[in-house]
Amino acid sequence: MLEWFAALVIVAVSIIVLTGYIFSLFKPAEKLRLSLARGLALGLEFALAGEILRTILIRELEEIFILGAIIIIRASLSVLIHWEISHTVNCLQGECEIHDDDEIKHKK
């Protein structure tokens, strides 16, 4: 049930961000990217909760290993997305500079 809700959240946020991107005439927008990242993070958290609750139904050791691998992958993705969100927020607040060659330099 939580996995369906996670999919619904991800699809809804993706549609909202895609619509915003189209209406902004395909201009790159960090705020849209940030909204998408936050939606993906929320969806992954629901999916991860669903996987953790599924451990109640495990009958064999092989299922535990598969589920453990899925949990590790989803948790890693969640951490990376949260890092991307915090980095983007810092850049939007002026704590880093983006140069013409897409190189990002942090202000000290």
N, C-alpha and C. Protein backbone atom coordinates (compact mmCIF):
# COMPACT_ATOMS: atom_id res chain seq x y z
N MET A 1 0.82 -1.19 0.00
CA MET A 1 0.00 0.00 0.00
C MET A 1 0.87 1.26 0.00
N LEU A 2 1.91 1.28 0.84
CA LEU A 2 2.80 2.44 0.88
C LEU A 2 3.56 2.61 -0.43
N GLU A 3 3.87 1.51 -1.09
CA GLU A 3 4.59 1.59 -2.37
C GLU A 3 3.72 2.21 -3.45
N TRP A 4 2.43 1.93 -3.43
CA TRP A 4 1.50 2.57 -4.37
C TRP A 4 1.41 4.06 -4.09
N PHE A 5 1.38 4.42 -2.82
CA PHE A 5 1.33 5.83 -2.46
C PHE A 5 2.63 6.53 -2.88
N ALA A 6 3.76 5.84 -2.73
CA ALA A 6 5.05 6.39 -3.15
C ALA A 6 5.04 6.65 -4.66
N ALA A 7 4.54 5.69 -5.42
CA ALA A 7 4.46 5.86 -6.87
C ALA A 7 3.54 7.02 -7.23
N LEU A 8 2.42 7.14 -6.53
CA LEU A 8 1.49 8.23 -6.78
C LEU A 8 2.14 9.58 -6.51
N VAL A 9 2.87 9.69 -5.41
CA VAL A 9 3.56 10.94 -5.06
C VAL A 9 4.59 11.29 -6.14
N ILE A 10 5.38 10.32 -6.57
CA ILE A 10 6.41 10.58 -7.57
C ILE A 10 5.80 10.99 -8.90
N VAL A 11 4.74 10.30 -9.33
CA VAL A 11 4.09 10.65 -10.59
C VAL A 11 3.46 12.04 -10.51
N ALA A 12 2.77 12.33 -9.41
CA ALA A 12 2.11 13.64 -9.27
C ALA A 12 3.13 14.78 -9.28
N VAL A 13 4.20 14.62 -8.53
CA VAL A 13 5.23 15.67 -8.48
C VAL A 13 5.89 15.82 -9.85
N SER A 14 6.13 14.71 -10.53
CA SER A 14 6.75 14.77 -11.86
C SER A 14 5.86 15.52 -12.84
N ILE A 15 4.57 15.26 -12.80
CA ILE A 15 3.63 15.96 -13.69
C ILE A 15 3.61 17.45 -13.38
N ILE A 16 3.56 17.79 -12.10
CA ILE A 16 3.54 19.21 -11.70
C ILE A 16 4.81 19.92 -12.16
N VAL A 17 5.96 19.30 -11.95
CA VAL A 17 7.23 19.92 -12.34
C VAL A 17 7.35 20.00 -13.86
N LEU A 18 6.94 18.96 -14.57
CA LEU A 18 6.99 18.98 -16.03
C LEU A 18 6.09 20.08 -16.58
N THR A 19 4.91 20.24 -16.01
CA THR A 19 4.00 21.31 -16.43
C THR A 19 4.63 22.68 -16.18
N GLY A 20 5.23 22.86 -15.02
CA GLY A 20 5.92 24.12 -14.73
C GLY A 20 7.07 24.38 -15.68
N TYR A 21 7.78 23.32 -16.04
CA TYR A 21 8.90 23.46 -16.97
C TYR A 21 8.41 23.86 -18.36
N ILE A 22 7.32 23.25 -18.80
CA ILE A 22 6.76 23.59 -20.11
C ILE A 22 6.27 25.03 -20.12
N PHE A 23 5.58 25.45 -19.07
CA PHE A 23 5.07 26.82 -19.03
C PHE A 23 6.18 27.86 -18.84
N SER A 24 7.34 27.45 -18.38
CA SER A 24 8.46 28.40 -18.28
C SER A 24 9.26 28.44 -19.59
N LEU A 25 8.68 27.82 -20.63
CA LEU A 25 9.28 27.81 -21.97
C LEU A 25 10.66 27.16 -21.99
N PHE A 26 10.76 26.04 -21.28
CA PHE A 26 11.95 25.20 -21.27
C PHE A 26 13.20 25.91 -20.75
N LYS A 27 13.02 26.92 -19.95
CA LYS A 27 14.17 27.59 -19.32
C LYS A 27 14.59 26.79 -18.10
N PRO A 28 15.87 26.62 -17.88
CA PRO A 28 16.29 25.89 -16.68
C PRO A 28 15.88 26.65 -15.42
N ALA A 29 15.31 25.93 -14.51
CA ALA A 29 14.85 26.57 -13.27
C ALA A 29 15.26 25.70 -12.09
N GLU A 30 16.12 26.23 -11.25
CA GLU A 30 16.60 25.49 -10.09
C GLU A 30 15.46 25.18 -9.11
N LYS A 31 14.49 26.07 -9.02
CA LYS A 31 13.39 25.84 -8.09
C LYS A 31 12.54 24.64 -8.53
N LEU A 32 12.35 24.47 -9.85
CA LEU A 32 11.63 23.30 -10.33
C LEU A 32 12.42 22.03 -10.05
N ARG A 33 13.72 22.10 -10.26
CA ARG A 33 14.58 20.94 -9.98
C ARG A 33 14.54 20.59 -8.50
N LEU A 34 14.52 21.60 -7.66
CA LEU A 34 14.45 21.40 -6.22
C LEU A 34 13.11 20.77 -5.83
N SER A 35 12.03 21.23 -6.45
CA SER A 35 10.71 20.65 -6.18
C SER A 35 10.66 19.18 -6.58
N LEU A 36 11.24 18.87 -7.73
CA LEU A 36 11.28 17.48 -8.18
C LEU A 36 12.09 16.62 -7.21
N ALA A 37 13.23 17.12 -6.77
CA ALA A 37 14.07 16.36 -5.84
C ALA A 37 13.34 16.11 -4.52
N ARG A 38 12.65 17.13 -4.03
CA ARG A 38 11.90 16.95 -2.78
C ARG A 38 10.77 15.93 -2.95
N GLY A 39 10.09 15.96 -4.08
CA GLY A 39 9.03 14.98 -4.35
C GLY A 39 9.57 13.57 -4.46
N LEU A 40 10.71 13.43 -5.14
CA LEU A 40 11.34 12.11 -5.24
C LEU A 40 11.78 11.60 -3.88
N ALA A 41 12.32 12.48 -3.06
CA ALA A 41 12.75 12.08 -1.72
C ALA A 41 11.56 11.62 -0.89
N LEU A 42 10.45 12.34 -0.98
CA LEU A 42 9.26 11.95 -0.24
C LEU A 42 8.74 10.60 -0.72
N GLY A 43 8.69 10.42 -2.04
CA GLY A 43 8.24 9.15 -2.59
C GLY A 43 9.14 7.99 -2.18
N LEU A 44 10.46 8.21 -2.20
CA LEU A 44 11.39 7.17 -1.78
C LEU A 44 11.24 6.82 -0.31
N GLU A 45 10.92 7.81 0.51
CA GLU A 45 10.72 7.53 1.94
C GLU A 45 9.50 6.65 2.16
N PHE A 46 8.42 6.89 1.41
CA PHE A 46 7.25 6.01 1.51
C PHE A 46 7.57 4.61 1.01
N ALA A 47 8.33 4.52 -0.10
CA ALA A 47 8.70 3.21 -0.63
C ALA A 47 9.59 2.46 0.36
N LEU A 48 10.50 3.16 0.99
CA LEU A 48 11.38 2.54 1.98
C LEU A 48 10.58 2.04 3.18
N ALA A 49 9.61 2.83 3.61
CA ALA A 49 8.75 2.40 4.72
C ALA A 49 7.97 1.14 4.34
N GLY A 50 7.50 1.08 3.10
CA GLY A 50 6.81 -0.12 2.63
C GLY A 50 7.70 -1.34 2.64
N GLU A 51 8.96 -1.17 2.22
CA GLU A 51 9.91 -2.28 2.23
C GLU A 51 10.20 -2.75 3.65
N ILE A 52 10.33 -1.82 4.56
CA ILE A 52 10.60 -2.19 5.96
C ILE A 52 9.42 -2.96 6.54
N LEU A 53 8.22 -2.50 6.24
CA LEU A 53 7.03 -3.21 6.74
C LEU A 53 6.88 -4.59 6.10
N ARG A 54 7.42 -4.76 4.88
CA ARG A 54 7.31 -6.05 4.21
C ARG A 54 8.16 -7.11 4.92
N THR A 55 9.11 -6.70 5.75
CA THR A 55 9.93 -7.68 6.47
C THR A 55 9.09 -8.57 7.37
N ILE A 56 7.90 -8.11 7.72
CA ILE A 56 7.01 -8.92 8.57
C ILE A 56 6.60 -10.20 7.85
N LEU A 57 6.49 -10.14 6.52
CA LEU A 57 5.99 -11.27 5.74
C LEU A 57 7.08 -12.21 5.23
N ILE A 58 8.32 -11.97 5.56
CA ILE A 58 9.43 -12.77 5.03
C ILE A 58 9.43 -14.17 5.64
N ARG A 59 9.59 -15.16 4.76
CA ARG A 59 9.58 -16.55 5.20
C ARG A 59 10.95 -17.23 5.03
N GLU A 60 11.77 -16.75 4.08
CA GLU A 60 13.04 -17.41 3.78
C GLU A 60 14.20 -16.43 3.90
N LEU A 61 15.39 -16.98 4.11
CA LEU A 61 16.59 -16.17 4.26
C LEU A 61 16.93 -15.42 2.97
N GLU A 62 16.70 -16.05 1.82
CA GLU A 62 16.98 -15.41 0.54
C GLU A 62 16.15 -14.13 0.37
N GLU A 63 14.91 -14.15 0.83
CA GLU A 63 14.06 -12.96 0.76
C GLU A 63 14.62 -11.83 1.62
N ILE A 64 15.22 -12.17 2.75
CA ILE A 64 15.82 -11.15 3.62
C ILE A 64 16.98 -10.47 2.90
N PHE A 65 17.82 -11.25 2.20
CA PHE A 65 18.95 -10.65 1.48
C PHE A 65 18.47 -9.74 0.35
N ILE A 66 17.47 -10.18 -0.39
CA ILE A 66 16.92 -9.36 -1.48
C ILE A 66 16.32 -8.08 -0.92
N LEU A 67 15.54 -8.21 0.13
CA LEU A 67 14.92 -7.04 0.74
C LEU A 67 15.97 -6.11 1.33
N GLY A 68 17.01 -6.67 1.93
CA GLY A 68 18.10 -5.84 2.46
C GLY A 68 18.79 -5.05 1.37
N ALA A 69 19.02 -5.69 0.22
CA ALA A 69 19.64 -4.99 -0.91
C ALA A 69 18.75 -3.86 -1.41
N ILE A 70 17.46 -4.12 -1.50
CA ILE A 70 16.51 -3.09 -1.94
C ILE A 70 16.51 -1.92 -0.97
N ILE A 71 16.51 -2.22 0.32
CA ILE A 71 16.50 -1.16 1.34
C ILE A 71 17.79 -0.33 1.25
N ILE A 72 18.93 -0.99 1.06
CA ILE A 72 20.20 -0.26 0.95
C ILE A 72 20.21 0.65 -0.27
N ILE A 73 19.72 0.14 -1.40
CA ILE A 73 19.68 0.96 -2.62
C ILE A 73 18.76 2.16 -2.45
N ARG A 74 17.57 1.93 -1.91
CA ARG A 74 16.62 3.04 -1.73
C ARG A 74 17.12 4.04 -0.70
N ALA A 75 17.73 3.57 0.36
CA ALA A 75 18.27 4.49 1.36
C ALA A 75 19.42 5.31 0.77
N SER A 76 20.26 4.68 -0.03
CA SER A 76 21.36 5.41 -0.68
C SER A 76 20.82 6.48 -1.62
N LEU A 77 19.81 6.14 -2.41
CA LEU A 77 19.19 7.13 -3.29
C LEU A 77 18.60 8.28 -2.49
N SER A 78 17.97 7.96 -1.39
CA SER A 78 17.37 9.00 -0.55
C SER A 78 18.44 9.94 0.00
N VAL A 79 19.56 9.38 0.46
CA VAL A 79 20.65 10.21 0.99
C VAL A 79 21.21 11.11 -0.12
N LEU A 80 21.41 10.55 -1.31
CA LEU A 80 21.94 11.35 -2.42
C LEU A 80 20.99 12.47 -2.81
N ILE A 81 19.70 12.19 -2.83
CA ILE A 81 18.72 13.22 -3.18
C ILE A 81 18.69 14.30 -2.11
N HIS A 82 18.75 13.92 -0.85
CA HIS A 82 18.78 14.93 0.22
C HIS A 82 20.05 15.79 0.14
N TRP A 83 21.18 15.18 -0.23
CA TRP A 83 22.40 15.95 -0.41
C TRP A 83 22.24 16.94 -1.56
N GLU A 84 21.65 16.49 -2.66
CA GLU A 84 21.41 17.36 -3.81
C GLU A 84 20.49 18.52 -3.43
N ILE A 85 19.47 18.24 -2.64
CA ILE A 85 18.55 19.29 -2.19
C ILE A 85 19.30 20.33 -1.37
N SER A 86 20.09 19.88 -0.40
CA SER A 86 20.80 20.85 0.45
C SER A 86 21.83 21.64 -0.35
N HIS A 87 22.48 21.01 -1.30
CA HIS A 87 23.44 21.70 -2.15
C HIS A 87 22.74 22.75 -3.01
N THR A 88 21.60 22.41 -3.59
CA THR A 88 20.85 23.35 -4.42
C THR A 88 20.33 24.51 -3.59
N VAL A 89 19.85 24.23 -2.39
CA VAL A 89 19.37 25.31 -1.51
C VAL A 89 20.52 26.26 -1.18
N ASN A 90 21.70 25.72 -0.89
CA ASN A 90 22.87 26.56 -0.61
C ASN A 90 23.22 27.44 -1.81
N CYS A 91 23.14 26.88 -3.01
CA CYS A 91 23.43 27.67 -4.21
C CYS A 91 22.38 28.75 -4.42
N LEU A 92 21.12 28.43 -4.17
CA LEU A 92 20.06 29.42 -4.33
C LEU A 92 20.20 30.54 -3.31
N GLN A 93 20.79 30.25 -2.16
CA GLN A 93 20.98 31.26 -1.13
C GLN A 93 22.27 32.06 -1.36
N GLY A 94 22.97 31.76 -2.45
CA GLY A 94 24.16 32.52 -2.80
C GLY A 94 25.43 32.05 -2.16
N GLU A 95 25.46 30.83 -1.66
CA GLU A 95 26.67 30.32 -1.01
C GLU A 95 27.62 29.64 -1.98
N CYS A 96 27.28 29.61 -3.27
CA CYS A 96 28.19 29.08 -4.27
C CYS A 96 27.99 29.85 -5.57
N GLU A 97 28.98 29.74 -6.45
CA GLU A 97 28.93 30.43 -7.73
C GLU A 97 28.95 29.39 -8.84
N ILE A 98 28.13 29.60 -9.87
CA ILE A 98 28.12 28.71 -11.03
C ILE A 98 28.73 29.50 -12.19
N HIS A 99 29.79 28.96 -12.78
CA HIS A 99 30.50 29.64 -13.86
C HIS A 99 29.98 29.15 -15.21
N ASP A 100 30.44 29.77 -16.29
CA ASP A 100 29.96 29.45 -17.63
C ASP A 100 30.20 27.99 -18.01
N ASP A 101 31.24 27.39 -17.51
CA ASP A 101 31.54 26.00 -17.85
C ASP A 101 30.87 25.02 -16.89
N ASP A 102 29.80 25.47 -16.22
CA ASP A 102 29.01 24.67 -15.28
C ASP A 102 29.81 24.21 -14.06
N GLU A 103 30.94 24.83 -13.81
CA GLU A 103 31.73 24.50 -12.63
C GLU A 103 31.17 25.27 -11.44
N ILE A 104 30.97 24.57 -10.34
CA ILE A 104 30.41 25.19 -9.14
C ILE A 104 31.54 25.39 -8.14
N LYS A 105 31.68 26.62 -7.69
CA LYS A 105 32.71 26.93 -6.69
C LYS A 105 32.02 27.48 -5.46
N HIS A 106 32.35 26.92 -4.31
CA HIS A 106 31.76 27.37 -3.05
C HIS A 106 32.48 28.60 -2.54
N LYS A 107 31.70 29.54 -2.04
CA LYS A 107 32.28 30.73 -1.43
C LYS A 107 32.75 30.37 -0.03
N LYS A 108 33.82 30.99 0.41
CA LYS A 108 34.34 30.69 1.74
C LYS A 108 34.17 31.85 2.65
